[in-house]
């Protein structure tokens, strides 16, 4: 995980997910859409390797606030 400017990046083997807390509107699209990756009860709360990169990317794209972003790794 890396951070800076209120952003944190959670890196997996195939995809990295960046979360910007200040933009989050708590719509919970991520938590409902892919709870095995996005779980606020767990630390770290984003674990990109817990699902296929394509599924993770699909859920990240549904984030209405843009608080979540991704890039492919490798």
PDB file of N, CA and C in Angstrom:
ATOM      1  N   UNK A   1       0.842  -1.168   0.000  1.00  0.00           N
ATOM      2  CA  UNK A   1       0.000   0.000   0.000  1.00  0.00           C
ATOM      3  C   UNK A   1       0.886   1.228   0.000  1.00  0.00           C
ATOM      4  N   UNK A   2       0.537   2.195  -0.827  1.00  0.00           N
ATOM      5  CA  UNK A   2       1.265   3.453  -0.812  1.00  0.00           C
ATOM      6  C   UNK A   2       0.266   4.582  -0.687  1.00  0.00           C
ATOM      7  N   UNK A   3       0.715   5.727  -0.181  1.00  0.00           N
ATOM      8  CA  UNK A   3      -0.205   6.835   0.035  1.00  0.00           C
ATOM      9  C   UNK A   3       0.394   8.152  -0.378  1.00  0.00           C
ATOM     10  N   UNK A   4      -0.411   9.204  -0.284  1.00  0.00           N
ATOM     11  CA  UNK A   4       0.005  10.548  -0.619  1.00  0.00           C
ATOM     12  C   UNK A   4      -1.207  11.342  -1.041  1.00  0.00           C
ATOM     13  N   UNK A   5      -1.328  12.576  -0.562  1.00  0.00           N
ATOM     14  CA  UNK A   5      -2.433  13.458  -0.927  1.00  0.00           C
ATOM     15  C   UNK A   5      -3.796  12.857  -0.587  1.00  0.00           C
ATOM     16  N   UNK A   6      -3.898  12.124   0.516  1.00  0.00           N
ATOM     17  CA  UNK A   6      -5.169  11.533   0.904  1.00  0.00           C
ATOM     18  C   UNK A   6      -5.564  10.320   0.096  1.00  0.00           C
ATOM     19  N   UNK A   7      -4.674   9.845  -0.739  1.00  0.00           N
ATOM     20  CA  UNK A   7      -4.932   8.664  -1.556  1.00  0.00           C
ATOM     21  C   UNK A   7      -4.109   7.500  -1.029  1.00  0.00           C
ATOM     22  N   UNK A   8      -4.696   6.311  -1.115  1.00  0.00           N
ATOM     23  CA  UNK A   8      -3.966   5.095  -0.764  1.00  0.00           C
ATOM     24  C   UNK A   8      -4.124   4.117  -1.913  1.00  0.00           C
ATOM     25  N   UNK A   9      -3.032   3.463  -2.253  1.00  0.00           N
ATOM     26  CA  UNK A   9      -3.054   2.467  -3.319  1.00  0.00           C
ATOM     27  C   UNK A   9      -2.785   1.096  -2.725  1.00  0.00           C
ATOM     28  N   UNK A  10      -3.651   0.163  -3.094  1.00  0.00           N
ATOM     29  CA  UNK A  10      -3.565  -1.222  -2.635  1.00  0.00           C
ATOM     30  C   UNK A  10      -3.184  -2.061  -3.844  1.00  0.00           C
ATOM     31  N   UNK A  11      -1.989  -2.615  -3.822  1.00  0.00           N
ATOM     32  CA  UNK A  11      -1.467  -3.310  -4.995  1.00  0.00           C
ATOM     33  C   UNK A  11      -1.636  -4.815  -4.894  1.00  0.00           C
ATOM     34  N   UNK A  12      -2.157  -5.385  -5.968  1.00  0.00           N
ATOM     35  CA  UNK A  12      -2.240  -6.824  -6.108  1.00  0.00           C
ATOM     36  C   UNK A  12      -1.276  -7.263  -7.191  1.00  0.00           C
ATOM     37  N   UNK A  13      -1.329  -8.530  -7.555  1.00  0.00           N
ATOM     38  CA  UNK A  13      -0.419  -9.031  -8.577  1.00  0.00           C
ATOM     39  C   UNK A  13      -0.819  -8.590  -9.978  1.00  0.00           C
ATOM     40  N   UNK A  14      -2.118  -8.394 -10.227  1.00  0.00           N
ATOM     41  CA  UNK A  14      -2.591  -8.045 -11.569  1.00  0.00           C
ATOM     42  C   UNK A  14      -3.224  -6.672 -11.660  1.00  0.00           C
ATOM     43  N   UNK A  15      -3.652  -6.118 -10.514  1.00  0.00           N
ATOM     44  CA  UNK A  15      -4.352  -4.840 -10.505  1.00  0.00           C
ATOM     45  C   UNK A  15      -4.034  -4.106  -9.208  1.00  0.00           C
ATOM     46  N   UNK A  16      -3.970  -2.797  -9.297  1.00  0.00           N
ATOM     47  CA  UNK A  16      -3.800  -1.948  -8.119  1.00  0.00           C
ATOM     48  C   UNK A  16      -5.011  -1.028  -8.040  1.00  0.00           C
ATOM     49  N   UNK A  17      -5.550  -0.873  -6.842  1.00  0.00           N
ATOM     50  CA  UNK A  17      -6.730  -0.040  -6.627  1.00  0.00           C
ATOM     51  C   UNK A  17      -6.330   1.135  -5.750  1.00  0.00           C
ATOM     52  N   UNK A  18      -6.659   2.337  -6.201  1.00  0.00           N
ATOM     53  CA  UNK A  18      -6.389   3.547  -5.437  1.00  0.00           C
ATOM     54  C   UNK A  18      -7.697   4.077  -4.870  1.00  0.00           C
ATOM     55  N   UNK A  19      -7.671   4.434  -3.588  1.00  0.00           N
ATOM     56  CA  UNK A  19      -8.839   4.965  -2.894  1.00  0.00           C
ATOM     57  C   UNK A  19      -8.523   6.363  -2.402  1.00  0.00           C
ATOM     58  N   UNK A  20      -9.400   7.315  -2.718  1.00  0.00           N
ATOM     59  CA  UNK A  20      -9.266   8.695  -2.262  1.00  0.00           C
ATOM     60  C   UNK A  20     -10.418   8.979  -1.300  1.00  0.00           C
ATOM     61  N   UNK A  21     -10.134   8.919  -0.006  1.00  0.00           N
ATOM     62  CA  UNK A  21     -11.166   9.009   1.026  1.00  0.00           C
ATOM     63  C   UNK A  21     -11.988  10.291   0.935  1.00  0.00           C
ATOM     64  N   UNK A  22     -11.366  11.398   0.599  1.00  0.00           N
ATOM     65  CA  UNK A  22     -12.070  12.675   0.536  1.00  0.00           C
ATOM     66  C   UNK A  22     -13.137  12.752  -0.538  1.00  0.00           C
ATOM     67  N   UNK A  23     -13.073  11.878  -1.522  1.00  0.00           N
ATOM     68  CA  UNK A  23     -14.066  11.869  -2.611  1.00  0.00           C
ATOM     69  C   UNK A  23     -15.198  10.883  -2.374  1.00  0.00           C
ATOM     70  N   UNK A  24     -15.005   9.960  -1.441  1.00  0.00           N
ATOM     71  CA  UNK A  24     -15.966   8.873  -1.233  1.00  0.00           C
ATOM     72  C   UNK A  24     -17.306   9.413  -0.737  1.00  0.00           C
ATOM     73  N   UNK A  25     -18.395   8.979  -1.387  1.00  0.00           N
ATOM     74  CA  UNK A  25     -19.757   9.363  -1.004  1.00  0.00           C
ATOM     75  C   UNK A  25     -20.469   8.232  -0.266  1.00  0.00           C
ATOM     76  N   UNK A  26     -19.770   7.161   0.015  1.00  0.00           N
ATOM     77  CA  UNK A  26     -20.288   6.020   0.778  1.00  0.00           C
ATOM     78  C   UNK A  26     -21.522   5.391   0.134  1.00  0.00           C
ATOM     79  N   UNK A  27     -21.523   5.316  -1.175  1.00  0.00           N
ATOM     80  CA  UNK A  27     -22.614   4.657  -1.900  1.00  0.00           C
ATOM     81  C   UNK A  27     -22.544   3.141  -1.730  1.00  0.00           C
ATOM     82  N   UNK A  28     -21.389   2.630  -1.359  1.00  0.00           N
ATOM     83  CA  UNK A  28     -21.154   1.205  -1.073  1.00  0.00           C
ATOM     84  C   UNK A  28     -21.261   0.311  -2.303  1.00  0.00           C
ATOM     85  N   UNK A  29     -21.113   0.869  -3.488  1.00  0.00           N
ATOM     86  CA  UNK A  29     -21.113   0.049  -4.710  1.00  0.00           C
ATOM     87  C   UNK A  29     -20.007  -0.998  -4.647  1.00  0.00           C
ATOM     88  N   UNK A  30     -18.869  -0.624  -4.114  1.00  0.00           N
ATOM     89  CA  UNK A  30     -17.732  -1.545  -4.048  1.00  0.00           C
ATOM     90  C   UNK A  30     -18.004  -2.684  -3.077  1.00  0.00           C
ATOM     91  N   UNK A  31     -18.469  -2.345  -1.887  1.00  0.00           N
ATOM     92  CA  UNK A  31     -18.699  -3.339  -0.842  1.00  0.00           C
ATOM     93  C   UNK A  31     -19.795  -4.320  -1.255  1.00  0.00           C
ATOM     94  N   UNK A  32     -20.855  -3.813  -1.843  1.00  0.00           N
ATOM     95  CA  UNK A  32     -21.943  -4.690  -2.301  1.00  0.00           C
ATOM     96  C   UNK A  32     -21.546  -5.469  -3.551  1.00  0.00           C
ATOM     97  N   UNK A  33     -20.771  -4.835  -4.414  1.00  0.00           N
ATOM     98  CA  UNK A  33     -20.428  -5.453  -5.686  1.00  0.00           C
ATOM     99  C   UNK A  33     -19.369  -6.532  -5.611  1.00  0.00           C
ATOM    100  N   UNK A  34     -18.437  -6.400  -4.680  1.00  0.00           N
ATOM    101  CA  UNK A  34     -17.340  -7.366  -4.599  1.00  0.00           C
ATOM    102  C   UNK A  34     -16.810  -7.419  -3.156  1.00  0.00           C
ATOM    103  N   UNK A  35     -17.610  -7.976  -2.245  1.00  0.00           N
ATOM    104  CA  UNK A  35     -17.223  -7.962  -0.828  1.00  0.00           C
ATOM    105  C   UNK A  35     -15.946  -8.730  -0.513  1.00  0.00           C
ATOM    106  N   UNK A  36     -15.550  -9.659  -1.384  1.00  0.00           N
ATOM    107  CA  UNK A  36     -14.307 -10.375  -1.124  1.00  0.00           C
ATOM    108  C   UNK A  36     -13.078  -9.489  -1.341  1.00  0.00           C
ATOM    109  N   UNK A  37     -13.224  -8.409  -2.077  1.00  0.00           N
ATOM    110  CA  UNK A  37     -12.130  -7.455  -2.290  1.00  0.00           C
ATOM    111  C   UNK A  37     -12.290  -6.235  -1.384  1.00  0.00           C
ATOM    112  N   UNK A  38     -13.516  -5.729  -1.263  1.00  0.00           N
ATOM    113  CA  UNK A  38     -13.796  -4.506  -0.509  1.00  0.00           C
ATOM    114  C   UNK A  38     -14.568  -4.864   0.760  1.00  0.00           C
ATOM    115  N   UNK A  39     -13.889  -4.834   1.901  1.00  0.00           N
ATOM    116  CA  UNK A  39     -14.506  -5.222   3.169  1.00  0.00           C
ATOM    117  C   UNK A  39     -14.032  -4.259   4.248  1.00  0.00           C
ATOM    118  N   UNK A  40     -14.918  -3.372   4.688  1.00  0.00           N
ATOM    119  CA  UNK A  40     -14.521  -2.342   5.647  1.00  0.00           C
ATOM    120  C   UNK A  40     -14.236  -2.893   7.044  1.00  0.00           C
ATOM    121  N   UNK A  41     -14.567  -4.144   7.293  1.00  0.00           N
ATOM    122  CA  UNK A  41     -14.281  -4.762   8.592  1.00  0.00           C
ATOM    123  C   UNK A  41     -12.878  -5.373   8.643  1.00  0.00           C
ATOM    124  N   UNK A  42     -12.192  -5.406   7.528  1.00  0.00           N
ATOM    125  CA  UNK A  42     -10.888  -6.075   7.418  1.00  0.00           C
ATOM    126  C   UNK A  42      -9.808  -5.024   7.153  1.00  0.00           C
ATOM    127  N   UNK A  43      -8.598  -5.314   7.534  1.00  0.00           N
ATOM    128  CA  UNK A  43      -7.459  -4.443   7.238  1.00  0.00           C
ATOM    129  C   UNK A  43      -6.396  -5.247   6.525  1.00  0.00           C
ATOM    130  N   UNK A  44      -5.876  -4.791   5.408  1.00  0.00           N
ATOM    131  CA  UNK A  44      -6.389  -3.625   4.688  1.00  0.00           C
ATOM    132  C   UNK A  44      -7.774  -3.910   4.120  1.00  0.00           C
ATOM    133  N   UNK A  45      -8.579  -2.876   3.993  1.00  0.00           N
ATOM    134  CA  UNK A  45      -9.971  -3.082   3.586  1.00  0.00           C
ATOM    135  C   UNK A  45     -10.125  -3.372   2.100  1.00  0.00           C
ATOM    136  N   UNK A  46      -9.099  -3.085   1.316  1.00  0.00           N
ATOM    137  CA  UNK A  46      -9.103  -3.435  -0.109  1.00  0.00           C
ATOM    138  C   UNK A  46      -8.017  -4.487  -0.330  1.00  0.00           C
ATOM    139  N   UNK A  47      -8.421  -5.663  -0.846  1.00  0.00           N
ATOM    140  CA  UNK A  47      -7.486  -6.752  -1.120  1.00  0.00           C
ATOM    141  C   UNK A  47      -7.687  -7.199  -2.567  1.00  0.00           C
ATOM    142  N   UNK A  48      -6.984  -6.533  -3.495  1.00  0.00           N
ATOM    143  CA  UNK A  48      -7.199  -6.762  -4.927  1.00  0.00           C
ATOM    144  C   UNK A  48      -7.002  -8.198  -5.391  1.00  0.00           C
ATOM    145  N   UNK A  49      -6.187  -8.971  -4.717  1.00  0.00           N
ATOM    146  CA  UNK A  49      -5.925 -10.343  -5.161  1.00  0.00           C
ATOM    147  C   UNK A  49      -7.039 -11.326  -4.796  1.00  0.00           C
ATOM    148  N   UNK A  50      -8.064 -10.868  -4.102  1.00  0.00           N
ATOM    149  CA  UNK A  50      -9.142 -11.765  -3.683  1.00  0.00           C
ATOM    150  C   UNK A  50     -10.191 -12.007  -4.763  1.00  0.00           C
ATOM    151  N   UNK A  51     -10.016 -11.430  -5.947  1.00  0.00           N
ATOM    152  CA  UNK A  51     -10.919 -11.670  -7.080  1.00  0.00           C
ATOM    153  C   UNK A  51     -10.135 -11.434  -8.364  1.00  0.00           C
ATOM    154  N   UNK A  52     -10.710 -11.862  -9.464  1.00  0.00           N
ATOM    155  CA  UNK A  52     -10.074 -11.644 -10.769  1.00  0.00           C
ATOM    156  C   UNK A  52      -9.962 -10.143 -11.044  1.00  0.00           C
ATOM    157  N   UNK A  53      -8.882  -9.745 -11.676  1.00  0.00           N
ATOM    158  CA  UNK A  53      -8.640  -8.329 -11.963  1.00  0.00           C
ATOM    159  C   UNK A  53      -9.772  -7.715 -12.781  1.00  0.00           C
ATOM    160  N   UNK A  54     -10.324  -8.458 -13.733  1.00  0.00           N
ATOM    161  CA  UNK A  54     -11.417  -7.924 -14.551  1.00  0.00           C
ATOM    162  C   UNK A  54     -12.651  -7.615 -13.710  1.00  0.00           C
ATOM    163  N   UNK A  55     -12.968  -8.478 -12.757  1.00  0.00           N
ATOM    164  CA  UNK A  55     -14.119  -8.230 -11.880  1.00  0.00           C
ATOM    165  C   UNK A  55     -13.867  -7.025 -10.992  1.00  0.00           C
ATOM    166  N   UNK A  56     -12.657  -6.914 -10.468  1.00  0.00           N
ATOM    167  CA  UNK A  56     -12.317  -5.776  -9.624  1.00  0.00           C
ATOM    168  C   UNK A  56     -12.422  -4.482 -10.415  1.00  0.00           C
ATOM    169  N   UNK A  57     -11.889  -4.467 -11.627  1.00  0.00           N
ATOM    170  CA  UNK A  57     -11.952  -3.275 -12.475  1.00  0.00           C
ATOM    171  C   UNK A  57     -13.397  -2.886 -12.762  1.00  0.00           C
ATOM    172  N   UNK A  58     -14.248  -3.867 -13.015  1.00  0.00           N
ATOM    173  CA  UNK A  58     -15.664  -3.596 -13.299  1.00  0.00           C
ATOM    174  C   UNK A  58     -16.342  -2.895 -12.119  1.00  0.00           C
ATOM    175  N   UNK A  59     -16.085  -3.372 -10.913  1.00  0.00           N
ATOM    176  CA  UNK A  59     -16.685  -2.771  -9.726  1.00  0.00           C
ATOM    177  C   UNK A  59     -16.109  -1.381  -9.477  1.00  0.00           C
ATOM    178  N   UNK A  60     -14.820  -1.205  -9.657  1.00  0.00           N
ATOM    179  CA  UNK A  60     -14.203   0.111  -9.476  1.00  0.00           C
ATOM    180  C   UNK A  60     -14.817   1.122 -10.444  1.00  0.00           C
ATOM    181  N   UNK A  61     -15.073   0.719 -11.668  1.00  0.00           N
ATOM    182  CA  UNK A  61     -15.678   1.631 -12.653  1.00  0.00           C
ATOM    183  C   UNK A  61     -17.087   2.064 -12.257  1.00  0.00           C
ATOM    184  N   UNK A  62     -17.754   1.295 -11.417  1.00  0.00           N
ATOM    185  CA  UNK A  62     -19.105   1.651 -10.969  1.00  0.00           C
ATOM    186  C   UNK A  62     -19.106   2.659  -9.822  1.00  0.00           C
ATOM    187  N   UNK A  63     -17.960   2.997  -9.278  1.00  0.00           N
ATOM    188  CA  UNK A  63     -17.888   3.947  -8.162  1.00  0.00           C
ATOM    189  C   UNK A  63     -18.430   5.304  -8.619  1.00  0.00           C
ATOM    190  N   UNK A  64     -19.552   5.770  -8.045  1.00  0.00           N
ATOM    191  CA  UNK A  64     -20.179   6.995  -8.535  1.00  0.00           C
ATOM    192  C   UNK A  64     -19.393   8.273  -8.244  1.00  0.00           C
ATOM    193  N   UNK A  65     -18.552   8.260  -7.222  1.00  0.00           N
ATOM    194  CA  UNK A  65     -17.821   9.470  -6.848  1.00  0.00           C
ATOM    195  C   UNK A  65     -16.451   9.575  -7.499  1.00  0.00           C
ATOM    196  N   UNK A  66     -15.959   8.465  -8.040  1.00  0.00           N
ATOM    197  CA  UNK A  66     -14.602   8.463  -8.573  1.00  0.00           C
ATOM    198  C   UNK A  66     -13.548   8.308  -7.494  1.00  0.00           C
ATOM    199  N   UNK A  67     -13.969   7.943  -6.286  1.00  0.00           N
ATOM    200  CA  UNK A  67     -13.014   7.756  -5.191  1.00  0.00           C
ATOM    201  C   UNK A  67     -12.122   6.541  -5.414  1.00  0.00           C
ATOM    202  N   UNK A  68     -12.610   5.596  -6.212  1.00  0.00           N
ATOM    203  CA  UNK A  68     -11.831   4.406  -6.539  1.00  0.00           C
ATOM    204  C   UNK A  68     -11.344   4.486  -7.977  1.00  0.00           C
ATOM    205  N   UNK A  69     -10.098   4.132  -8.168  1.00  0.00           N
ATOM    206  CA  UNK A  69      -9.497   4.045  -9.502  1.00  0.00           C
ATOM    207  C   UNK A  69      -8.623   2.806  -9.524  1.00  0.00           C
ATOM    208  N   UNK A  70      -8.262   2.387 -10.709  1.00  0.00           N
ATOM    209  CA  UNK A  70      -7.406   1.204 -10.807  1.00  0.00           C
ATOM    210  C   UNK A  70      -6.431   1.358 -11.958  1.00  0.00           C
ATOM    211  N   UNK A  71      -5.380   0.577 -11.889  1.00  0.00           N
ATOM    212  CA  UNK A  71      -4.495   0.391 -13.035  1.00  0.00           C
ATOM    213  C   UNK A  71      -3.987  -1.045 -12.987  1.00  0.00           C
ATOM    214  N   UNK A  72      -3.704  -1.554 -14.164  1.00  0.00           N
ATOM    215  CA  UNK A  72      -3.212  -2.931 -14.278  1.00  0.00           C
ATOM    216  C   UNK A  72      -1.742  -2.974 -13.894  1.00  0.00           C
ATOM    217  N   UNK A  73      -1.348  -4.060 -13.282  1.00  0.00           N
ATOM    218  CA  UNK A  73       0.026  -4.264 -12.845  1.00  0.00           C
ATOM    219  C   UNK A  73       0.614  -5.400 -13.670  1.00  0.00           C
ATOM    220  N   UNK A  74       1.867  -5.252 -14.037  1.00  0.00           N
ATOM    221  CA  UNK A  74       2.570  -6.314 -14.756  1.00  0.00           C
ATOM    222  C   UNK A  74       2.357  -6.219 -16.181  1.00  0.00           C
TER     223      UNK A  74
END
